[in-house]
Amino acid sequence: MARPKLKEHRRGQLIKLLSEEKQIIQRNAYIGCVTQAAMNGVREFVIMRQTGHKTIATLRRYIRSGEIFRENAAAGLGI
């Protein structure tokens, strides 16, 4: 049995949603990387050189509270 084709506008919406989800995942990974580097004691100017940030203020918007990484449900799973 052949699968029905998605209507073109539905297909476009699905592609847009998947693209947005990918961008969110990439951004979260980026924020996590910057936050972990800061938690590990990497100096801000070193992180800025890697990320391309021009000001410390902008960089600091990407550094999250370390507690969300230390105290989370996944930590208890041993992953």
N, C-alpha and C. Protein backbone atom coordinates (compact mmCIF):
# COMPACT_ATOMS: atom_id res chain seq x y z
N MET A 1 0.84 -1.17 0.00
CA MET A 1 0.00 0.00 0.00
C MET A 1 0.90 1.25 0.00
N ALA A 2 0.67 2.14 -0.89
CA ALA A 2 1.47 3.36 -1.01
C ALA A 2 1.11 4.34 0.09
N ARG A 3 2.12 5.02 0.60
CA ARG A 3 1.87 6.02 1.63
C ARG A 3 1.35 7.29 0.97
N PRO A 4 0.40 7.94 1.62
CA PRO A 4 -0.10 9.19 1.06
C PRO A 4 0.98 10.26 1.13
N LYS A 5 1.02 11.10 0.13
CA LYS A 5 2.00 12.19 0.10
C LYS A 5 1.54 13.31 1.02
N LEU A 6 2.49 13.91 1.69
CA LEU A 6 2.17 15.07 2.50
C LEU A 6 1.86 16.23 1.57
N LYS A 7 0.86 16.97 1.94
CA LYS A 7 0.59 18.17 1.16
C LYS A 7 1.80 19.08 1.26
N GLU A 8 2.07 19.80 0.21
CA GLU A 8 3.29 20.60 0.12
C GLU A 8 3.44 21.57 1.30
N HIS A 9 2.37 22.24 1.71
CA HIS A 9 2.50 23.19 2.82
C HIS A 9 2.77 22.47 4.13
N ARG A 10 2.21 21.28 4.31
CA ARG A 10 2.48 20.48 5.52
C ARG A 10 3.94 20.02 5.53
N ARG A 11 4.43 19.64 4.37
CA ARG A 11 5.81 19.20 4.25
C ARG A 11 6.74 20.36 4.60
N GLY A 12 6.43 21.53 4.11
CA GLY A 12 7.23 22.72 4.41
C GLY A 12 7.23 23.05 5.90
N GLN A 13 6.06 22.91 6.53
CA GLN A 13 5.96 23.16 7.97
C GLN A 13 6.81 22.17 8.75
N LEU A 14 6.77 20.91 8.36
CA LEU A 14 7.54 19.87 9.03
C LEU A 14 9.04 20.13 8.89
N ILE A 15 9.47 20.49 7.71
CA ILE A 15 10.89 20.80 7.49
C ILE A 15 11.31 21.98 8.34
N LYS A 16 10.47 23.01 8.44
CA LYS A 16 10.78 24.19 9.24
C LYS A 16 10.90 23.81 10.72
N LEU A 17 9.97 23.00 11.22
CA LEU A 17 10.02 22.57 12.62
C LEU A 17 11.27 21.78 12.92
N LEU A 18 11.64 20.87 12.04
CA LEU A 18 12.84 20.07 12.24
C LEU A 18 14.09 20.94 12.24
N SER A 19 14.11 21.93 11.37
CA SER A 19 15.24 22.86 11.30
C SER A 19 15.35 23.67 12.60
N GLU A 20 14.21 24.15 13.10
CA GLU A 20 14.20 24.91 14.35
C GLU A 20 14.66 24.04 15.52
N GLU A 21 14.22 22.79 15.54
CA GLU A 21 14.62 21.87 16.62
C GLU A 21 16.13 21.64 16.58
N LYS A 22 16.68 21.48 15.41
CA LYS A 22 18.13 21.28 15.26
C LYS A 22 18.88 22.51 15.78
N GLN A 23 18.38 23.70 15.47
CA GLN A 23 19.03 24.92 15.93
C GLN A 23 18.98 25.02 17.45
N ILE A 24 17.88 24.61 18.05
CA ILE A 24 17.75 24.64 19.52
C ILE A 24 18.74 23.67 20.15
N ILE A 25 18.85 22.48 19.59
CA ILE A 25 19.79 21.48 20.11
C ILE A 25 21.22 21.99 19.99
N GLN A 26 21.57 22.58 18.86
CA GLN A 26 22.91 23.12 18.67
C GLN A 26 23.19 24.25 19.66
N ARG A 27 22.23 25.12 19.87
CA ARG A 27 22.40 26.24 20.81
C ARG A 27 22.59 25.71 22.23
N ASN A 28 21.79 24.71 22.62
CA ASN A 28 21.92 24.15 23.96
C ASN A 28 23.28 23.49 24.15
N ALA A 29 23.78 22.82 23.13
CA ALA A 29 25.11 22.21 23.21
C ALA A 29 26.18 23.29 23.34
N TYR A 30 26.01 24.38 22.61
CA TYR A 30 26.95 25.50 22.66
C TYR A 30 26.97 26.11 24.05
N ILE A 31 25.78 26.37 24.61
CA ILE A 31 25.66 26.94 25.95
C ILE A 31 26.28 25.99 26.97
N GLY A 32 26.01 24.69 26.83
CA GLY A 32 26.57 23.71 27.75
C GLY A 32 28.08 23.67 27.70
N CYS A 33 28.64 23.79 26.51
CA CYS A 33 30.08 23.78 26.34
C CYS A 33 30.72 25.01 26.98
N VAL A 34 30.15 26.16 26.74
CA VAL A 34 30.67 27.41 27.32
C VAL A 34 30.55 27.35 28.84
N THR A 35 29.42 26.89 29.35
CA THR A 35 29.20 26.79 30.79
C THR A 35 30.18 25.82 31.42
N GLN A 36 30.37 24.67 30.82
CA GLN A 36 31.29 23.67 31.37
C GLN A 36 32.72 24.20 31.38
N ALA A 37 33.11 24.89 30.33
CA ALA A 37 34.46 25.47 30.29
C ALA A 37 34.64 26.45 31.45
N ALA A 38 33.64 27.30 31.69
CA ALA A 38 33.72 28.27 32.78
C ALA A 38 33.77 27.55 34.13
N MET A 39 32.97 26.50 34.29
CA MET A 39 32.97 25.73 35.54
C MET A 39 34.32 25.04 35.77
N ASN A 40 34.99 24.68 34.69
CA ASN A 40 36.29 24.02 34.79
C ASN A 40 37.44 25.01 35.00
N GLY A 41 37.11 26.30 35.08
CA GLY A 41 38.12 27.29 35.37
C GLY A 41 38.82 27.89 34.17
N VAL A 42 38.31 27.63 32.99
CA VAL A 42 38.91 28.25 31.79
C VAL A 42 38.63 29.75 31.86
N ARG A 43 39.65 30.54 31.66
CA ARG A 43 39.50 31.99 31.74
C ARG A 43 38.60 32.51 30.62
N GLU A 44 37.87 33.56 30.96
CA GLU A 44 36.88 34.10 30.03
C GLU A 44 37.49 34.49 28.69
N PHE A 45 38.65 35.12 28.71
CA PHE A 45 39.23 35.56 27.43
C PHE A 45 39.60 34.37 26.56
N VAL A 46 39.93 33.23 27.18
CA VAL A 46 40.23 32.02 26.40
C VAL A 46 38.95 31.50 25.75
N ILE A 47 37.86 31.47 26.52
CA ILE A 47 36.57 31.04 25.96
C ILE A 47 36.15 31.99 24.85
N MET A 48 36.33 33.29 25.07
CA MET A 48 35.96 34.29 24.06
C MET A 48 36.74 34.10 22.77
N ARG A 49 38.00 33.76 22.89
CA ARG A 49 38.81 33.52 21.69
C ARG A 49 38.24 32.35 20.89
N GLN A 50 37.76 31.32 21.60
CA GLN A 50 37.21 30.14 20.93
C GLN A 50 35.84 30.42 20.33
N THR A 51 35.00 31.14 21.08
CA THR A 51 33.62 31.35 20.63
C THR A 51 33.46 32.55 19.69
N GLY A 52 34.44 33.46 19.75
CA GLY A 52 34.34 34.64 18.90
C GLY A 52 33.58 35.80 19.53
N HIS A 53 33.24 35.70 20.81
CA HIS A 53 32.57 36.81 21.48
C HIS A 53 33.52 37.99 21.58
N LYS A 54 32.97 39.19 21.44
CA LYS A 54 33.78 40.40 21.48
C LYS A 54 33.80 41.03 22.87
N THR A 55 32.77 40.78 23.68
CA THR A 55 32.71 41.37 25.01
C THR A 55 32.43 40.29 26.05
N ILE A 56 32.92 40.56 27.27
CA ILE A 56 32.67 39.62 28.38
C ILE A 56 31.18 39.58 28.70
N ALA A 57 30.51 40.71 28.59
CA ALA A 57 29.07 40.76 28.89
C ALA A 57 28.29 39.80 28.00
N THR A 58 28.62 39.76 26.73
CA THR A 58 27.94 38.86 25.80
C THR A 58 28.26 37.41 26.14
N LEU A 59 29.51 37.13 26.42
CA LEU A 59 29.90 35.77 26.79
C LEU A 59 29.14 35.31 28.02
N ARG A 60 29.05 36.16 29.02
CA ARG A 60 28.41 35.78 30.28
C ARG A 60 26.93 35.45 30.13
N ARG A 61 26.30 35.93 29.08
CA ARG A 61 24.89 35.55 28.84
C ARG A 61 24.77 34.07 28.48
N TYR A 62 25.86 33.47 28.01
CA TYR A 62 25.85 32.06 27.63
C TYR A 62 26.26 31.14 28.77
N ILE A 63 26.79 31.70 29.85
CA ILE A 63 27.23 30.88 30.97
C ILE A 63 26.06 30.73 31.94
N ARG A 64 25.62 29.49 32.11
CA ARG A 64 24.47 29.19 32.97
C ARG A 64 24.95 28.76 34.34
N SER A 65 24.04 28.78 35.28
CA SER A 65 24.35 28.29 36.62
C SER A 65 24.79 26.84 36.53
N GLY A 66 25.92 26.52 37.15
CA GLY A 66 26.44 25.16 37.09
C GLY A 66 25.56 24.14 37.76
N GLU A 67 24.64 24.57 38.63
CA GLU A 67 23.78 23.62 39.34
C GLU A 67 22.92 22.80 38.40
N ILE A 68 22.51 23.37 37.29
CA ILE A 68 21.66 22.61 36.37
C ILE A 68 22.42 21.45 35.75
N PHE A 69 23.75 21.52 35.77
CA PHE A 69 24.55 20.44 35.24
C PHE A 69 24.96 19.44 36.32
N ARG A 70 25.15 19.94 37.55
CA ARG A 70 25.57 19.05 38.64
C ARG A 70 24.39 18.31 39.26
N GLU A 71 23.27 19.00 39.42
CA GLU A 71 22.10 18.42 40.07
C GLU A 71 20.97 18.28 39.06
N ASN A 72 20.95 17.15 38.37
CA ASN A 72 19.87 16.91 37.42
C ASN A 72 19.51 15.43 37.42
N ALA A 73 18.37 15.12 36.89
CA ALA A 73 17.87 13.74 36.92
C ALA A 73 18.78 12.80 36.16
N ALA A 74 19.37 13.23 35.07
CA ALA A 74 20.23 12.35 34.27
C ALA A 74 21.49 11.96 35.02
N ALA A 75 21.94 12.80 35.96
CA ALA A 75 23.14 12.48 36.71
C ALA A 75 22.98 11.18 37.51
N GLY A 76 21.77 10.90 37.95
CA GLY A 76 21.51 9.68 38.71
C GLY A 76 21.43 8.44 37.85
N LEU A 77 21.45 8.61 36.55
CA LEU A 77 21.35 7.45 35.65
C LEU A 77 22.71 6.86 35.31
N GLY A 78 23.75 7.55 35.68
CA GLY A 78 25.10 7.06 35.38
C GLY A 78 25.48 7.19 33.92
N ILE A 79 24.87 8.13 33.25
CA ILE A 79 25.15 8.33 31.82
C ILE A 79 26.36 9.21 31.67
